[in-house]
Amino acid sequence: LELGKMNPGEFRFLSQEEVAKLIRQAKKPAAVKTVTPHD
């Protein structure tokens, strides 16, 4: 979601396409990366 030229405190309503895209992104499983610390 690009914020564009909004001033502090300003808001705008999201389009249906933007809402759908955010919902799809939220449902994606997070990539899990296992890191073993070097001791």
PDB file of all heavy atoms in Angstrom:
ATOM      1  N   LEU A   1       0.823  -1.203   0.000  1.00  0.00           N
ATOM      2  CA  LEU A   1       0.000   0.000   0.000  1.00  0.00           C
ATOM      3  C   LEU A   1       0.859   1.255   0.000  1.00  0.00           C
ATOM      4  O   LEU A   1       1.528   1.567   0.977  1.00  0.00           O
ATOM      5  CB  LEU A   1      -0.907  -0.006   1.239  1.00  0.00           C
ATOM      6  CG  LEU A   1      -1.940   1.095   1.340  1.00  0.00           C
ATOM      7  CD1 LEU A   1      -2.921   1.021   0.187  1.00  0.00           C
ATOM      8  CD2 LEU A   1      -2.656   0.991   2.657  1.00  0.00           C
ATOM      9  N   GLU A   2       0.861   1.964  -1.135  1.00  0.00           N
ATOM     10  CA  GLU A   2       1.598   3.223  -1.266  1.00  0.00           C
ATOM     11  C   GLU A   2       0.809   4.334  -0.584  1.00  0.00           C
ATOM     12  O   GLU A   2      -0.393   4.466  -0.803  1.00  0.00           O
ATOM     13  CB  GLU A   2       1.795   3.591  -2.740  1.00  0.00           C
ATOM     14  CG  GLU A   2       2.671   2.631  -3.512  1.00  0.00           C
ATOM     15  CD  GLU A   2       4.148   2.847  -3.254  1.00  0.00           C
ATOM     16  OE1 GLU A   2       4.541   3.958  -2.834  1.00  0.00           O
ATOM     17  OE2 GLU A   2       4.914   1.890  -3.477  1.00  0.00           O
ATOM     18  N   LEU A   3       1.479   5.116   0.259  1.00  0.00           N
ATOM     19  CA  LEU A   3       0.782   6.156   1.001  1.00  0.00           C
ATOM     20  C   LEU A   3       0.596   7.437   0.189  1.00  0.00           C
ATOM     21  O   LEU A   3      -0.313   8.209   0.447  1.00  0.00           O
ATOM     22  CB  LEU A   3       1.514   6.450   2.307  1.00  0.00           C
ATOM     23  CG  LEU A   3       1.622   5.240   3.242  1.00  0.00           C
ATOM     24  CD1 LEU A   3       2.371   5.614   4.497  1.00  0.00           C
ATOM     25  CD2 LEU A   3       0.242   4.705   3.580  1.00  0.00           C
ATOM     26  N   GLY A   4       1.448   7.684  -0.781  1.00  0.00           N
ATOM     27  CA  GLY A   4       1.294   8.857  -1.637  1.00  0.00           C
ATOM     28  C   GLY A   4       1.611  10.160  -0.923  1.00  0.00           C
ATOM     29  O   GLY A   4       2.392  10.196   0.015  1.00  0.00           O
ATOM     30  N   LYS A   5       0.971  11.216  -1.348  1.00  0.00           N
ATOM     31  CA  LYS A   5       1.253  12.571  -0.852  1.00  0.00           C
ATOM     32  C   LYS A   5       0.349  12.964   0.307  1.00  0.00           C
ATOM     33  O   LYS A   5      -0.288  14.005   0.286  1.00  0.00           O
ATOM     34  CB  LYS A   5       1.083  13.584  -1.993  1.00  0.00           C
ATOM     35  CG  LYS A   5       1.968  13.342  -3.173  1.00  0.00           C
ATOM     36  CD  LYS A   5       3.303  13.961  -2.943  1.00  0.00           C
ATOM     37  CE  LYS A   5       4.150  13.796  -4.194  1.00  0.00           C
ATOM     38  NZ  LYS A   5       5.513  14.156  -4.002  1.00  0.00           N
ATOM     39  N   MET A   6       0.278  12.131   1.325  1.00  0.00           N
ATOM     40  CA  MET A   6      -0.594  12.436   2.454  1.00  0.00           C
ATOM     41  C   MET A   6       0.164  13.230   3.507  1.00  0.00           C
ATOM     42  O   MET A   6       1.338  12.993   3.760  1.00  0.00           O
ATOM     43  CB  MET A   6      -1.145  11.147   3.058  1.00  0.00           C
ATOM     44  CG  MET A   6      -2.058  10.407   2.099  1.00  0.00           C
ATOM     45  SD  MET A   6      -2.615   8.832   2.723  1.00  0.00           S
ATOM     46  CE  MET A   6      -3.485   9.329   4.170  1.00  0.00           C
ATOM     47  N   ASN A   7      -0.520  14.170   4.128  1.00  0.00           N
ATOM     48  CA  ASN A   7       0.060  14.967   5.203  1.00  0.00           C
ATOM     49  C   ASN A   7      -0.137  14.249   6.539  1.00  0.00           C
ATOM     50  O   ASN A   7      -1.038  13.404   6.670  1.00  0.00           O
ATOM     51  CB  ASN A   7      -0.608  16.348   5.257  1.00  0.00           C
ATOM     52  CG  ASN A   7      -0.288  17.172   4.043  1.00  0.00           C
ATOM     53  OD1 ASN A   7       0.843  17.193   3.576  1.00  0.00           O
ATOM     54  ND2 ASN A   7      -1.290  17.856   3.509  1.00  0.00           N
ATOM     55  N   PRO A   8       0.675  14.587   7.546  1.00  0.00           N
ATOM     56  CA  PRO A   8       0.489  13.978   8.868  1.00  0.00           C
ATOM     57  C   PRO A   8      -0.944  14.179   9.362  1.00  0.00           C
ATOM     58  O   PRO A   8      -1.512  15.265   9.236  1.00  0.00           O
ATOM     59  CB  PRO A   8       1.481  14.721   9.749  1.00  0.00           C
ATOM     60  CG  PRO A   8       2.541  15.187   8.804  1.00  0.00           C
ATOM     61  CD  PRO A   8       1.814  15.507   7.522  1.00  0.00           C
ATOM     62  N   GLY A   9      -1.554  13.107   9.870  1.00  0.00           N
ATOM     63  CA  GLY A   9      -2.916  13.172  10.385  1.00  0.00           C
ATOM     64  C   GLY A   9      -3.991  12.973   9.335  1.00  0.00           C
ATOM     65  O   GLY A   9      -5.166  12.811   9.652  1.00  0.00           O
ATOM     66  N   GLU A  10      -3.608  12.982   8.074  1.00  0.00           N
ATOM     67  CA  GLU A  10      -4.557  12.816   6.979  1.00  0.00           C
ATOM     68  C   GLU A  10      -4.832  11.321   6.772  1.00  0.00           C
ATOM     69  O   GLU A  10      -4.003  10.482   7.096  1.00  0.00           O
ATOM     70  CB  GLU A  10      -3.943  13.390   5.701  1.00  0.00           C
ATOM     71  CG  GLU A  10      -4.911  13.984   4.748  1.00  0.00           C
ATOM     72  CD  GLU A  10      -4.205  14.669   3.580  1.00  0.00           C
ATOM     73  OE1 GLU A  10      -2.986  14.578   3.453  1.00  0.00           O
ATOM     74  OE2 GLU A  10      -4.914  15.278   2.798  1.00  0.00           O
ATOM     75  N   PHE A  11      -5.994  11.004   6.226  1.00  0.00           N
ATOM     76  CA  PHE A  11      -6.314   9.621   5.917  1.00  0.00           C
ATOM     77  C   PHE A  11      -7.093   9.578   4.623  1.00  0.00           C
ATOM     78  O   PHE A  11      -7.565  10.589   4.117  1.00  0.00           O
ATOM     79  CB  PHE A  11      -7.121   8.962   7.053  1.00  0.00           C
ATOM     80  CG  PHE A  11      -8.551   9.415   7.125  1.00  0.00           C
ATOM     81  CD1 PHE A  11      -9.536   8.696   6.492  1.00  0.00           C
ATOM     82  CD2 PHE A  11      -8.894  10.567   7.821  1.00  0.00           C
ATOM     83  CE1 PHE A  11     -10.859   9.112   6.544  1.00  0.00           C
ATOM     84  CE2 PHE A  11     -10.207  10.986   7.885  1.00  0.00           C
ATOM     85  CZ  PHE A  11     -11.199  10.255   7.249  1.00  0.00           C
ATOM     86  N   ARG A  12      -7.198   8.360   4.090  1.00  0.00           N
ATOM     87  CA  ARG A  12      -8.050   8.141   2.925  1.00  0.00           C
ATOM     88  C   ARG A  12      -8.636   6.746   3.046  1.00  0.00           C
ATOM     89  O   ARG A  12      -8.106   5.887   3.756  1.00  0.00           O
ATOM     90  CB  ARG A  12      -7.274   8.288   1.623  1.00  0.00           C
ATOM     91  CG  ARG A  12      -6.251   7.192   1.382  1.00  0.00           C
ATOM     92  CD  ARG A  12      -5.646   7.340  -0.019  1.00  0.00           C
ATOM     93  NE  ARG A  12      -4.640   6.344  -0.308  1.00  0.00           N
ATOM     94  CZ  ARG A  12      -4.886   5.106  -0.735  1.00  0.00           C
ATOM     95  NH1 ARG A  12      -6.129   4.703  -0.905  1.00  0.00           N
ATOM     96  NH2 ARG A  12      -3.908   4.272  -0.990  1.00  0.00           N
ATOM     97  N   PHE A  13      -9.742   6.532   2.396  1.00  0.00           N
ATOM     98  CA  PHE A  13     -10.358   5.215   2.388  1.00  0.00           C
ATOM     99  C   PHE A  13      -9.642   4.343   1.365  1.00  0.00           C
ATOM    100  O   PHE A  13      -9.197   4.832   0.323  1.00  0.00           O
ATOM    101  CB  PHE A  13     -11.853   5.315   2.060  1.00  0.00           C
ATOM    102  CG  PHE A  13     -12.635   5.992   3.154  1.00  0.00           C
ATOM    103  CD1 PHE A  13     -13.011   7.318   3.042  1.00  0.00           C
ATOM    104  CD2 PHE A  13     -12.967   5.298   4.307  1.00  0.00           C
ATOM    105  CE1 PHE A  13     -13.718   7.946   4.051  1.00  0.00           C
ATOM    106  CE2 PHE A  13     -13.679   5.918   5.322  1.00  0.00           C
ATOM    107  CZ  PHE A  13     -14.047   7.246   5.194  1.00  0.00           C
ATOM    108  N   LEU A  14      -9.533   3.060   1.659  1.00  0.00           N
ATOM    109  CA  LEU A  14      -8.905   2.119   0.734  1.00  0.00           C
ATOM    110  C   LEU A  14      -9.906   1.652  -0.301  1.00  0.00           C
ATOM    111  O   LEU A  14     -11.100   1.523  -0.023  1.00  0.00           O
ATOM    112  CB  LEU A  14      -8.377   0.901   1.504  1.00  0.00           C
ATOM    113  CG  LEU A  14      -7.345   1.171   2.589  1.00  0.00           C
ATOM    114  CD1 LEU A  14      -6.944  -0.130   3.274  1.00  0.00           C
ATOM    115  CD2 LEU A  14      -6.135   1.872   2.022  1.00  0.00           C
ATOM    116  N   SER A  15      -9.390   1.388  -1.494  1.00  0.00           N
ATOM    117  CA  SER A  15     -10.254   0.836  -2.542  1.00  0.00           C
ATOM    118  C   SER A  15     -10.502  -0.643  -2.238  1.00  0.00           C
ATOM    119  O   SER A  15      -9.800  -1.259  -1.436  1.00  0.00           O
ATOM    120  CB  SER A  15      -9.565   0.970  -3.910  1.00  0.00           C
ATOM    121  OG  SER A  15      -8.449   0.107  -3.975  1.00  0.00           O
ATOM    122  N   GLN A  16     -11.495  -1.214  -2.898  1.00  0.00           N
ATOM    123  CA  GLN A  16     -11.785  -2.633  -2.712  1.00  0.00           C
ATOM    124  C   GLN A  16     -10.586  -3.494  -3.120  1.00  0.00           C
ATOM    125  O   GLN A  16     -10.284  -4.500  -2.479  1.00  0.00           O
ATOM    126  CB  GLN A  16     -13.020  -3.034  -3.512  1.00  0.00           C
ATOM    127  CG  GLN A  16     -14.301  -2.467  -2.951  1.00  0.00           C
ATOM    128  CD  GLN A  16     -15.511  -2.890  -3.768  1.00  0.00           C
ATOM    129  OE1 GLN A  16     -15.406  -3.433  -4.867  1.00  0.00           O
ATOM    130  NE2 GLN A  16     -16.694  -2.636  -3.219  1.00  0.00           N
ATOM    131  N   GLU A  17      -9.897  -3.080  -4.176  1.00  0.00           N
ATOM    132  CA  GLU A  17      -8.717  -3.827  -4.642  1.00  0.00           C
ATOM    133  C   GLU A  17      -7.603  -3.786  -3.595  1.00  0.00           C
ATOM    134  O   GLU A  17      -6.935  -4.794  -3.349  1.00  0.00           O
ATOM    135  CB  GLU A  17      -8.201  -3.252  -5.967  1.00  0.00           C
ATOM    136  CG  GLU A  17      -9.149  -3.438  -7.143  1.00  0.00           C
ATOM    137  CD  GLU A  17     -10.232  -2.348  -7.184  1.00  0.00           C
ATOM    138  OE1 GLU A  17     -10.045  -1.265  -6.600  1.00  0.00           O
ATOM    139  OE2 GLU A  17     -11.277  -2.604  -7.805  1.00  0.00           O
ATOM    140  N   GLU A  18      -7.381  -2.628  -2.969  1.00  0.00           N
ATOM    141  CA  GLU A  18      -6.341  -2.504  -1.941  1.00  0.00           C
ATOM    142  C   GLU A  18      -6.663  -3.373  -0.726  1.00  0.00           C
ATOM    143  O   GLU A  18      -5.788  -4.051  -0.186  1.00  0.00           O
ATOM    144  CB  GLU A  18      -6.184  -1.043  -1.507  1.00  0.00           C
ATOM    145  CG  GLU A  18      -5.567  -0.158  -2.565  1.00  0.00           C
ATOM    146  CD  GLU A  18      -5.615   1.315  -2.193  1.00  0.00           C
ATOM    147  OE1 GLU A  18      -6.604   1.755  -1.558  1.00  0.00           O
ATOM    148  OE2 GLU A  18      -4.650   2.027  -2.528  1.00  0.00           O
ATOM    149  N   VAL A  19      -7.921  -3.374  -0.321  1.00  0.00           N
ATOM    150  CA  VAL A  19      -8.338  -4.198   0.818  1.00  0.00           C
ATOM    151  C   VAL A  19      -8.138  -5.676   0.495  1.00  0.00           C
ATOM    152  O   VAL A  19      -7.577  -6.433   1.300  1.00  0.00           O
ATOM    153  CB  VAL A  19      -9.805  -3.911   1.207  1.00  0.00           C
ATOM    154  CG1 VAL A  19     -10.302  -4.909   2.237  1.00  0.00           C
ATOM    155  CG2 VAL A  19      -9.954  -2.487   1.722  1.00  0.00           C
ATOM    156  N   ALA A  20      -8.548  -6.096  -0.689  1.00  0.00           N
ATOM    157  CA  ALA A  20      -8.405  -7.498  -1.090  1.00  0.00           C
ATOM    158  C   ALA A  20      -6.931  -7.905  -1.111  1.00  0.00           C
ATOM    159  O   ALA A  20      -6.574  -8.999  -0.650  1.00  0.00           O
ATOM    160  CB  ALA A  20      -9.040  -7.723  -2.462  1.00  0.00           C
ATOM    161  N   LYS A  21      -6.080  -7.036  -1.625  1.00  0.00           N
ATOM    162  CA  LYS A  21      -4.644  -7.339  -1.693  1.00  0.00           C
ATOM    163  C   LYS A  21      -4.042  -7.460  -0.291  1.00  0.00           C
ATOM    164  O   LYS A  21      -3.262  -8.370  -0.021  1.00  0.00           O
ATOM    165  CB  LYS A  21      -3.923  -6.261  -2.498  1.00  0.00           C
ATOM    166  CG  LYS A  21      -2.531  -6.634  -2.887  1.00  0.00           C
ATOM    167  CD  LYS A  21      -1.961  -5.621  -3.867  1.00  0.00           C
ATOM    168  CE  LYS A  21      -0.625  -6.077  -4.400  1.00  0.00           C
ATOM    169  NZ  LYS A  21      -0.084  -5.151  -5.384  1.00  0.00           N
ATOM    170  N   LEU A  22      -4.422  -6.573   0.611  1.00  0.00           N
ATOM    171  CA  LEU A  22      -3.919  -6.642   1.986  1.00  0.00           C
ATOM    172  C   LEU A  22      -4.391  -7.924   2.678  1.00  0.00           C
ATOM    173  O   LEU A  22      -3.633  -8.561   3.421  1.00  0.00           O
ATOM    174  CB  LEU A  22      -4.352  -5.408   2.779  1.00  0.00           C
ATOM    175  CG  LEU A  22      -3.643  -4.107   2.434  1.00  0.00           C
ATOM    176  CD1 LEU A  22      -4.303  -2.933   3.151  1.00  0.00           C
ATOM    177  CD2 LEU A  22      -2.173  -4.179   2.778  1.00  0.00           C
ATOM    178  N   ILE A  23      -5.622  -8.316   2.432  1.00  0.00           N
ATOM    179  CA  ILE A  23      -6.151  -9.549   3.027  1.00  0.00           C
ATOM    180  C   ILE A  23      -5.375 -10.756   2.502  1.00  0.00           C
ATOM    181  O   ILE A  23      -4.996 -11.645   3.273  1.00  0.00           O
ATOM    182  CB  ILE A  23      -7.668  -9.686   2.767  1.00  0.00           C
ATOM    183  CG1 ILE A  23      -8.422  -8.640   3.594  1.00  0.00           C
ATOM    184  CG2 ILE A  23      -8.149 -11.099   3.090  1.00  0.00           C
ATOM    185  CD1 ILE A  23      -9.893  -8.521   3.264  1.00  0.00           C
ATOM    186  N   ARG A  24      -5.114 -10.777   1.184  1.00  0.00           N
ATOM    187  CA  ARG A  24      -4.330 -11.885   0.612  1.00  0.00           C
ATOM    188  C   ARG A  24      -2.937 -11.937   1.226  1.00  0.00           C
ATOM    189  O   ARG A  24      -2.433 -13.007   1.555  1.00  0.00           O
ATOM    190  CB  ARG A  24      -4.224 -11.738  -0.909  1.00  0.00           C
ATOM    191  CG  ARG A  24      -5.467 -12.160  -1.657  1.00  0.00           C
ATOM    192  CD  ARG A  24      -5.208 -12.304  -3.148  1.00  0.00           C
ATOM    193  NE  ARG A  24      -4.569 -11.155  -3.766  1.00  0.00           N
ATOM    194  CZ  ARG A  24      -5.209 -10.094  -4.265  1.00  0.00           C
ATOM    195  NH1 ARG A  24      -6.535 -10.044  -4.217  1.00  0.00           N
ATOM    196  NH2 ARG A  24      -4.545  -9.108  -4.825  1.00  0.00           N
ATOM    197  N   GLN A  25      -2.307 -10.789   1.393  1.00  0.00           N
ATOM    198  CA  GLN A  25      -0.967 -10.750   1.977  1.00  0.00           C
ATOM    199  C   GLN A  25      -0.980 -11.222   3.423  1.00  0.00           C
ATOM    200  O   GLN A  25      -0.075 -11.910   3.870  1.00  0.00           O
ATOM    201  CB  GLN A  25      -0.387  -9.337   1.905  1.00  0.00           C
ATOM    202  CG  GLN A  25      -0.004  -8.920   0.510  1.00  0.00           C
ATOM    203  CD  GLN A  25       0.457  -7.482   0.447  1.00  0.00           C
ATOM    204  OE1 GLN A  25       0.227  -6.689   1.345  1.00  0.00           O
ATOM    205  NE2 GLN A  25       1.110  -7.135  -0.644  1.00  0.00           N
ATOM    206  N   ALA A  26      -2.016 -10.873   4.154  1.00  0.00           N
ATOM    207  CA  ALA A  26      -2.108 -11.270   5.565  1.00  0.00           C
ATOM    208  C   ALA A  26      -2.307 -12.776   5.708  1.00  0.00           C
ATOM    209  O   ALA A  26      -1.884 -13.360   6.704  1.00  0.00           O
ATOM    210  CB  ALA A  26      -3.247 -10.518   6.242  1.00  0.00           C
ATOM    211  N   LYS A  27      -2.924 -13.399   4.725  1.00  0.00           N
ATOM    212  CA  LYS A  27      -3.192 -14.839   4.792  1.00  0.00           C
ATOM    213  C   LYS A  27      -1.995 -15.679   4.365  1.00  0.00           C
ATOM    214  O   LYS A  27      -1.960 -16.869   4.630  1.00  0.00           O
ATOM    215  CB  LYS A  27      -4.398 -15.197   3.918  1.00  0.00           C
ATOM    216  CG  LYS A  27      -5.704 -14.718   4.504  1.00  0.00           C
ATOM    217  CD  LYS A  27      -6.861 -15.137   3.638  1.00  0.00           C
ATOM    218  CE  LYS A  27      -8.173 -14.680   4.246  1.00  0.00           C
ATOM    219  NZ  LYS A  27      -9.321 -15.066   3.429  1.00  0.00           N
ATOM    220  N   LYS A  28      -1.000 -15.060   3.694  1.00  0.00           N
ATOM    221  CA  LYS A  28       0.178 -15.815   3.259  1.00  0.00           C
ATOM    222  C   LYS A  28       0.938 -16.304   4.484  1.00  0.00           C
ATOM    223  O   LYS A  28       1.155 -15.552   5.432  1.00  0.00           O
ATOM    224  CB  LYS A  28       1.116 -14.934   2.434  1.00  0.00           C
ATOM    225  CG  LYS A  28       0.667 -14.690   1.030  1.00  0.00           C
ATOM    226  CD  LYS A  28       1.725 -13.907   0.286  1.00  0.00           C
ATOM    227  CE  LYS A  28       1.298 -13.571  -1.115  1.00  0.00           C
ATOM    228  NZ  LYS A  28       2.302 -12.749  -1.796  1.00  0.00           N
ATOM    229  N   PRO A  29       1.367 -17.562   4.461  1.00  0.00           N
ATOM    230  CA  PRO A  29       2.175 -18.035   5.588  1.00  0.00           C
ATOM    231  C   PRO A  29       3.523 -17.318   5.602  1.00  0.00           C
ATOM    232  O   PRO A  29       4.121 -17.082   4.560  1.00  0.00           O
ATOM    233  CB  PRO A  29       2.344 -19.529   5.309  1.00  0.00           C
ATOM    234  CG  PRO A  29       2.045 -19.707   3.864  1.00  0.00           C
ATOM    235  CD  PRO A  29       1.140 -18.577   3.459  1.00  0.00           C
ATOM    236  N   ALA A  30       3.952 -16.952   6.790  1.00  0.00           N
ATOM    237  CA  ALA A  30       5.232 -16.258   6.933  1.00  0.00           C
ATOM    238  C   ALA A  30       6.371 -17.227   6.650  1.00  0.00           C
ATOM    239  O   ALA A  30       6.313 -18.394   7.018  1.00  0.00           O
ATOM    240  CB  ALA A  30       5.358 -15.683   8.332  1.00  0.00           C
ATOM    241  N   ALA A  31       7.385 -16.731   5.987  1.00  0.00           N
ATOM    242  CA  ALA A  31       8.572 -17.553   5.734  1.00  0.00           C
ATOM    243  C   ALA A  31       9.304 -17.744   7.051  1.00  0.00           C
ATOM    244  O   ALA A  31       9.541 -16.792   7.786  1.00  0.00           O
ATOM    245  CB  ALA A  31       9.470 -16.854   4.725  1.00  0.00           C
ATOM    246  N   VAL A  32       9.633 -18.972   7.348  1.00  0.00           N
ATOM    247  CA  VAL A  32      10.319 -19.280   8.598  1.00  0.00           C
ATOM    248  C   VAL A  32      11.767 -19.590   8.280  1.00  0.00           C
ATOM    249  O   VAL A  32      12.060 -20.414   7.419  1.00  0.00           O
ATOM    250  CB  VAL A  32       9.665 -20.484   9.312  1.00  0.00           C
ATOM    251  CG1 VAL A  32      10.437 -20.840  10.558  1.00  0.00           C
ATOM    252  CG2 VAL A  32       8.217 -20.178   9.620  1.00  0.00           C
ATOM    253  N   LYS A  33      12.657 -18.915   8.961  1.00  0.00           N
ATOM    254  CA  LYS A  33      14.074 -19.114   8.749  1.00  0.00           C
ATOM    255  C   LYS A  33      14.686 -19.519  10.078  1.00  0.00           C
ATOM    256  O   LYS A  33      14.595 -18.795  11.050  1.00  0.00           O
ATOM    257  CB  LYS A  33      14.706 -17.815   8.237  1.00  0.00           C
ATOM    258  CG  LYS A  33      16.137 -17.957   7.812  1.00  0.00           C
ATOM    259  CD  LYS A  33      16.608 -16.646   7.234  1.00  0.00           C
ATOM    260  CE  LYS A  33      18.008 -16.779   6.693  1.00  0.00           C
ATOM    261  NZ  LYS A  33      18.477 -15.519   6.123  1.00  0.00           N
ATOM    262  N   THR A  34      15.286 -20.691  10.115  1.00  0.00           N
ATOM    263  CA  THR A  34      15.903 -21.166  11.341  1.00  0.00           C
ATOM    264  C   THR A  34      17.366 -20.760  11.335  1.00  0.00           C
ATOM    265  O   THR A  34      18.094 -21.061  10.385  1.00  0.00           O
ATOM    266  CB  THR A  34      15.791 -22.695  11.457  1.00  0.00           C
ATOM    267  OG1 THR A  34      14.418 -23.039  11.363  1.00  0.00           O
ATOM    268  CG2 THR A  34      16.379 -23.188  12.758  1.00  0.00           C
ATOM    269  N   VAL A  35      17.764 -20.078  12.377  1.00  0.00           N
ATOM    270  CA  VAL A  35      19.147 -19.632  12.501  1.00  0.00           C
ATOM    271  C   VAL A  35      19.720 -20.256  13.753  1.00  0.00           C
ATOM    272  O   VAL A  35      19.151 -20.147  14.828  1.00  0.00           O
ATOM    273  CB  VAL A  35      19.227 -18.090  12.593  1.00  0.00           C
ATOM    274  CG1 VAL A  35      20.658 -17.642  12.787  1.00  0.00           C
ATOM    275  CG2 VAL A  35      18.610 -17.471  11.361  1.00  0.00           C
ATOM    276  N   THR A  36      20.852 -20.915  13.603  1.00  0.00           N
ATOM    277  CA  THR A  36      21.528 -21.490  14.745  1.00  0.00           C
ATOM    278  C   THR A  36      22.663 -20.556  15.129  1.00  0.00           C
ATOM    279  O   THR A  36      23.556 -20.308  14.317  1.00  0.00           O
ATOM    280  CB  THR A  36      22.096 -22.880  14.404  1.00  0.00           C
ATOM    281  OG1 THR A  36      21.036 -23.681  13.913  1.00  0.00           O
ATOM    282  CG2 THR A  36      22.720 -23.525  15.609  1.00  0.00           C
ATOM    283  N   PRO A  37      22.637 -20.015  16.347  1.00  0.00           N
ATOM    284  CA  PRO A  37      23.707 -19.094  16.728  1.00  0.00           C
ATOM    285  C   PRO A  37      25.043 -19.820  16.828  1.00  0.00           C
ATOM    286  O   PRO A  37      25.096 -20.983  17.233  1.00  0.00           O
ATOM    287  CB  PRO A  37      23.261 -18.568  18.087  1.00  0.00           C
ATOM    288  CG  PRO A  37      22.217 -19.502  18.555  1.00  0.00           C
ATOM    289  CD  PRO A  37      21.653 -20.200  17.367  1.00  0.00           C
ATOM    290  N   HIS A  38      26.091 -19.141  16.432  1.00  0.00           N
ATOM    291  CA  HIS A  38      27.435 -19.704  16.510  1.00  0.00           C
ATOM    292  C   HIS A  38      27.946 -19.525  17.936  1.00  0.00           C
ATOM    293  O   HIS A  38      27.920 -18.435  18.479  1.00  0.00           O
ATOM    294  CB  HIS A  38      28.370 -18.996  15.534  1.00  0.00           C
ATOM    295  CG  HIS A  38      29.785 -19.447  15.652  1.00  0.00           C
ATOM    296  ND1 HIS A  38      30.185 -20.698  15.275  1.00  0.00           N
ATOM    297  CD2 HIS A  38      30.882 -18.823  16.114  1.00  0.00           C
ATOM    298  CE1 HIS A  38      31.478 -20.820  15.497  1.00  0.00           C
ATOM    299  NE2 HIS A  38      31.923 -19.700  16.002  1.00  0.00           N
ATOM    300  N   ASP A  39      28.389 -20.584  18.534  1.00  0.00           N
ATOM    301  CA  ASP A  39      28.933 -20.533  19.890  1.00  0.00           C
ATOM    302  C   ASP A  39      30.406 -20.887  19.817  1.00  0.00           C
ATOM    303  O   ASP A  39      30.768 -22.038  19.591  1.00  0.00           O
ATOM    304  CB  ASP A  39      28.172 -21.503  20.803  1.00  0.00           C
ATOM    305  CG  ASP A  39      28.590 -21.372  22.267  1.00  0.00           C
ATOM    306  OD1 ASP A  39      29.580 -20.666  22.552  1.00  0.00           O
ATOM    307  OD2 ASP A  39      27.919 -21.983  23.108  1.00  0.00           O
TER     308      ASP A  39
END
